[in-house]
C-alpha atoms as a PDB file:
ATOM      1  CA  MET A   1       7.023 -22.499  -8.543  1.00  0.00           C
ATOM      2  CA  LEU A   2       6.509 -19.016  -6.949  1.00  0.00           C
ATOM      3  CA  THR A   3       3.402 -18.883  -4.400  1.00  0.00           C
ATOM      4  CA  GLY A   4       2.813 -15.201  -3.138  1.00  0.00           C
ATOM      5  CA  ALA A   5       5.068 -11.983  -2.161  1.00  0.00           C
ATOM      6  CA  HIS A   6       5.636 -10.845   0.940  1.00  0.00           C
ATOM      7  CA  ALA A   7       6.207  -7.722   1.664  1.00  0.00           C
ATOM      8  CA  ILE A   8       7.480  -5.587   4.666  1.00  0.00           C
ATOM      9  CA  ILE A   9       6.708  -1.845   6.112  1.00  0.00           C
ATOM     10  CA  TYR A  10       9.347  -0.599   9.248  1.00  0.00           C
ATOM     11  CA  SER A  11       7.794   1.178  11.048  1.00  0.00           C
ATOM     12  CA  ALA A  12       8.479   3.015  14.463  1.00  0.00           C
ATOM     13  CA  ALA A  13       5.116   2.334  15.450  1.00  0.00           C
ATOM     14  CA  ALA A  14       4.192  -0.769  14.518  1.00  0.00           C
ATOM     15  CA  GLU A  15       1.304  -1.281  16.426  1.00  0.00           C
ATOM     16  CA  ALA A  16      -0.536   1.731  15.282  1.00  0.00           C
ATOM     17  CA  ASP A  17       0.553   0.966  11.605  1.00  0.00           C
ATOM     18  CA  ARG A  18      -0.839  -2.217  12.244  1.00  0.00           C
ATOM     19  CA  ALA A  19      -4.318  -1.163  13.240  1.00  0.00           C
ATOM     20  CA  PHE A  20      -4.410   0.982  10.690  1.00  0.00           C
ATOM     21  CA  PHE A  21      -4.201  -1.643   8.210  1.00  0.00           C
ATOM     22  CA  ARG A  22      -6.084  -3.811   9.914  1.00  0.00           C
ATOM     23  CA  ASP A  23      -9.038  -1.249  11.226  1.00  0.00           C
ATOM     24  CA  VAL A  24      -8.687   1.397   8.692  1.00  0.00           C
ATOM     25  CA  LEU A  25      -7.855  -0.593   5.215  1.00  0.00           C
ATOM     26  CA  LYS A  26      -9.714  -3.564   6.963  1.00  0.00           C
ATOM     27  CA  LEU A  27      -6.929  -6.036   5.397  1.00  0.00           C
ATOM     28  CA  GLU A  28      -7.854  -9.863   6.545  1.00  0.00           C
ATOM     29  CA  ASN A  29      -4.841 -11.145   8.381  1.00  0.00           C
ATOM     30  CA  VAL A  30      -3.682 -13.641  10.820  1.00  0.00           C
ATOM     31  CA  ASP A  31      -1.905 -13.559  14.158  1.00  0.00           C
ATOM     32  CA  VAL A  32       1.180 -15.171  14.213  1.00  0.00           C
ATOM     33  CA  GLY A  33       1.493 -15.110  17.886  1.00  0.00           C
ATOM     34  CA  GLY A  34       2.027 -12.263  20.343  1.00  0.00           C
ATOM     35  CA  GLY A  35      -0.114  -9.656  18.134  1.00  0.00           C
ATOM     36  CA  TRP A  36       2.154  -9.973  15.199  1.00  0.00           C
ATOM     37  CA  LEU A  37      -0.220  -9.537  12.304  1.00  0.00           C
ATOM     38  CA  ILE A  38       0.301 -10.492   8.848  1.00  0.00           C
ATOM     39  CA  PHE A  39      -2.385  -9.203   6.425  1.00  0.00           C
ATOM     40  CA  ALA A  40      -3.401 -10.178   3.105  1.00  0.00           C
ATOM     41  CA  LEU A  41      -3.346  -8.532   0.018  1.00  0.00           C
ATOM     42  CA  PRO A  42      -4.678  -8.062  -3.269  1.00  0.00           C
ATOM     43  CA  PRO A  43      -3.345  -9.321  -6.411  1.00  0.00           C
ATOM     44  CA  ALA A  44      -0.056  -7.744  -7.222  1.00  0.00           C
ATOM     45  CA  GLU A  45       2.610  -7.230  -9.636  1.00  0.00           C
ATOM     46  CA  VAL A  46       5.869  -6.336 -10.015  1.00  0.00           C
ATOM     47  CA  ALA A  47       7.898  -4.183 -12.460  1.00  0.00           C
ATOM     48  CA  VAL A  48      11.811  -4.026 -12.624  1.00  0.00           C
ATOM     49  CA  HIS A  49      12.823  -0.383 -13.303  1.00  0.00           C
ATOM     50  CA  PRO A  50      16.267   0.960 -14.750  1.00  0.00           C
ATOM     51  CA  ALA A  51      18.047   2.596 -11.765  1.00  0.00           C
ATOM     52  CA  GLN A  52      21.400   3.825 -10.574  1.00  0.00           C
ATOM     53  CA  HIS A  53      22.069   1.799  -7.578  1.00  0.00           C
ATOM     54  CA  ASN A  54      20.532  -1.959  -6.695  1.00  0.00           C
ATOM     55  CA  ASP A  55      18.536  -2.664  -3.643  1.00  0.00           C
ATOM     56  CA  ARG A  56      16.116  -0.085  -3.384  1.00  0.00           C
ATOM     57  CA  HIS A  57      12.588  -1.366  -3.753  1.00  0.00           C
ATOM     58  CA  GLU A  58       8.676   0.409  -3.382  1.00  0.00           C
ATOM     59  CA  LEU A  59       5.543  -0.838  -2.215  1.00  0.00           C
ATOM     60  CA  TYR A  60       2.185   1.043  -3.530  1.00  0.00           C
ATOM     61  CA  LEU A  61      -1.226  -0.802  -2.506  1.00  0.00           C
ATOM     62  CA  MET A  62      -3.583   0.296  -6.055  1.00  0.00           C
ATOM     63  CA  CYS A  63      -7.765   1.305  -5.750  1.00  0.00           C
ATOM     64  CA  ALA A  64     -10.317   1.555  -8.591  1.00  0.00           C
ATOM     65  CA  ASP A  65     -10.900   5.184  -7.396  1.00  0.00           C
ATOM     66  CA  VAL A  66      -8.121   7.433  -6.125  1.00  0.00           C
ATOM     67  CA  ALA A  67     -10.700  10.542  -5.166  1.00  0.00           C
ATOM     68  CA  ALA A  68     -12.865   7.996  -3.483  1.00  0.00           C
ATOM     69  CA  PHE A  69     -10.468   6.720  -1.995  1.00  0.00           C
ATOM     70  CA  VAL A  70      -8.532   9.655  -0.835  1.00  0.00           C
ATOM     71  CA  ALA A  71     -11.943  11.207   0.571  1.00  0.00           C
ATOM     72  CA  GLU A  72     -12.583   7.878   2.360  1.00  0.00           C
ATOM     73  CA  MET A  73      -9.457   8.387   4.337  1.00  0.00           C
ATOM     74  CA  LYS A  74     -10.312  12.044   5.451  1.00  0.00           C
ATOM     75  CA  LYS A  75     -13.361  10.894   6.755  1.00  0.00           C
ATOM     76  CA  ARG A  76     -11.233   8.876   8.930  1.00  0.00           C
ATOM     77  CA  GLY A  77      -8.744  11.321   9.673  1.00  0.00           C
ATOM     78  CA  ILE A  78      -5.518   9.601   7.576  1.00  0.00           C
ATOM     79  CA  ALA A  79      -3.666  12.531   5.546  1.00  0.00           C
ATOM     80  CA  CYS A  80      -3.392  11.917   1.923  1.00  0.00           C
ATOM     81  CA  SER A  81      -1.046  14.222  -0.220  1.00  0.00           C
ATOM     82  CA  ALA A  82      -2.488  15.942  -3.412  1.00  0.00           C
ATOM     83  CA  VAL A  83      -3.370  13.614  -5.945  1.00  0.00           C
ATOM     84  CA  LYS A  84      -0.757  13.484  -9.218  1.00  0.00           C
ATOM     85  CA  ASP A  85      -1.538  12.619 -12.879  1.00  0.00           C
ATOM     86  CA  GLU A  86       2.007  10.268 -13.047  1.00  0.00           C
ATOM     87  CA  GLY A  87       0.546   9.308 -16.586  1.00  0.00           C
ATOM     88  CA  TRP A  88       0.503   6.281 -15.519  1.00  0.00           C
ATOM     89  CA  GLY A  89      -1.614   6.513 -13.002  1.00  0.00           C
ATOM     90  CA  LEU A  90      -3.331   8.928 -10.222  1.00  0.00           C
ATOM     91  CA  LEU A  91      -0.663   9.123  -7.462  1.00  0.00           C
ATOM     92  CA  THR A  92      -1.707   9.673  -3.384  1.00  0.00           C
ATOM     93  CA  GLN A  93       0.393   9.444  -0.472  1.00  0.00           C
ATOM     94  CA  LEU A  94      -1.187   8.514   2.834  1.00  0.00           C
ATOM     95  CA  THR A  95       0.740   8.678   5.931  1.00  0.00           C
ATOM     96  CA  LEU A  96       0.260   6.091   8.518  1.00  0.00           C
ATOM     97  CA  PRO A  97      -0.183   6.537  12.036  1.00  0.00           C
ATOM     98  CA  GLY A  98       3.551   5.477  12.966  1.00  0.00           C
ATOM     99  CA  GLY A  99       4.277   8.659  10.257  1.00  0.00           C
ATOM    100  CA  GLY A 100       5.555   6.480   7.332  1.00  0.00           C
ATOM    101  CA  LYS A 101       4.290   7.403   3.797  1.00  0.00           C
ATOM    102  CA  LEU A 102       2.968   4.801   1.382  1.00  0.00           C
ATOM    103  CA  GLY A 103       1.915   5.269  -2.158  1.00  0.00           C
ATOM    104  CA  VAL A 104      -1.788   4.363  -3.199  1.00  0.00           C
ATOM    105  CA  TYR A 105      -2.706   4.855  -7.062  1.00  0.00           C
ATOM    106  CA  GLN A 106      -4.715   4.469  -9.454  1.00  0.00           C
ATOM    107  CA  PRO A 107      -3.446   2.627 -12.638  1.00  0.00           C
ATOM    108  CA  ARG A 108      -3.546   3.658 -15.921  1.00  0.00           C
ATOM    109  CA  HIS A 109      -1.326   0.960 -17.385  1.00  0.00           C
ATOM    110  CA  PRO A 110      -2.127  -2.467 -18.185  1.00  0.00           C
ATOM    111  CA  ARG A 111      -2.633  -4.998 -15.350  1.00  0.00           C
ATOM    112  CA  PRO A 112      -1.399  -8.388 -15.869  1.00  0.00           C
ATOM    113  CA  ALA A 113      -3.719 -11.351 -15.222  1.00  0.00           C
ATOM    114  CA  VAL A 114      -3.834 -12.524 -12.105  1.00  0.00           C
ATOM    115  CA  PRO A 115      -2.513 -16.281 -12.552  1.00  0.00           C
END
């Protein structure tokens, strides 16, 4: 029934953030016209958390070794927050060139099989 998911990051500096995803994270991409890039992501998962209000969604990227990820970002001049042990994973936030924050974590929870 479903063939994938499409996530959107809104940015005050979209060109800079697109360059980050292309040049730093090295995500495969396609130009759909006028420099508008759509990036491939690794296998994904979705969780539904209880909340007081609807219509709030979050995007996190996952990695196998958050300490190595933070070290690589530091080499490239990308700021990351201190790593927090959240129990379910080790979490950092990187600051995109456009100023937005993006969570990246090393999961400790079981992962579903890739379809």
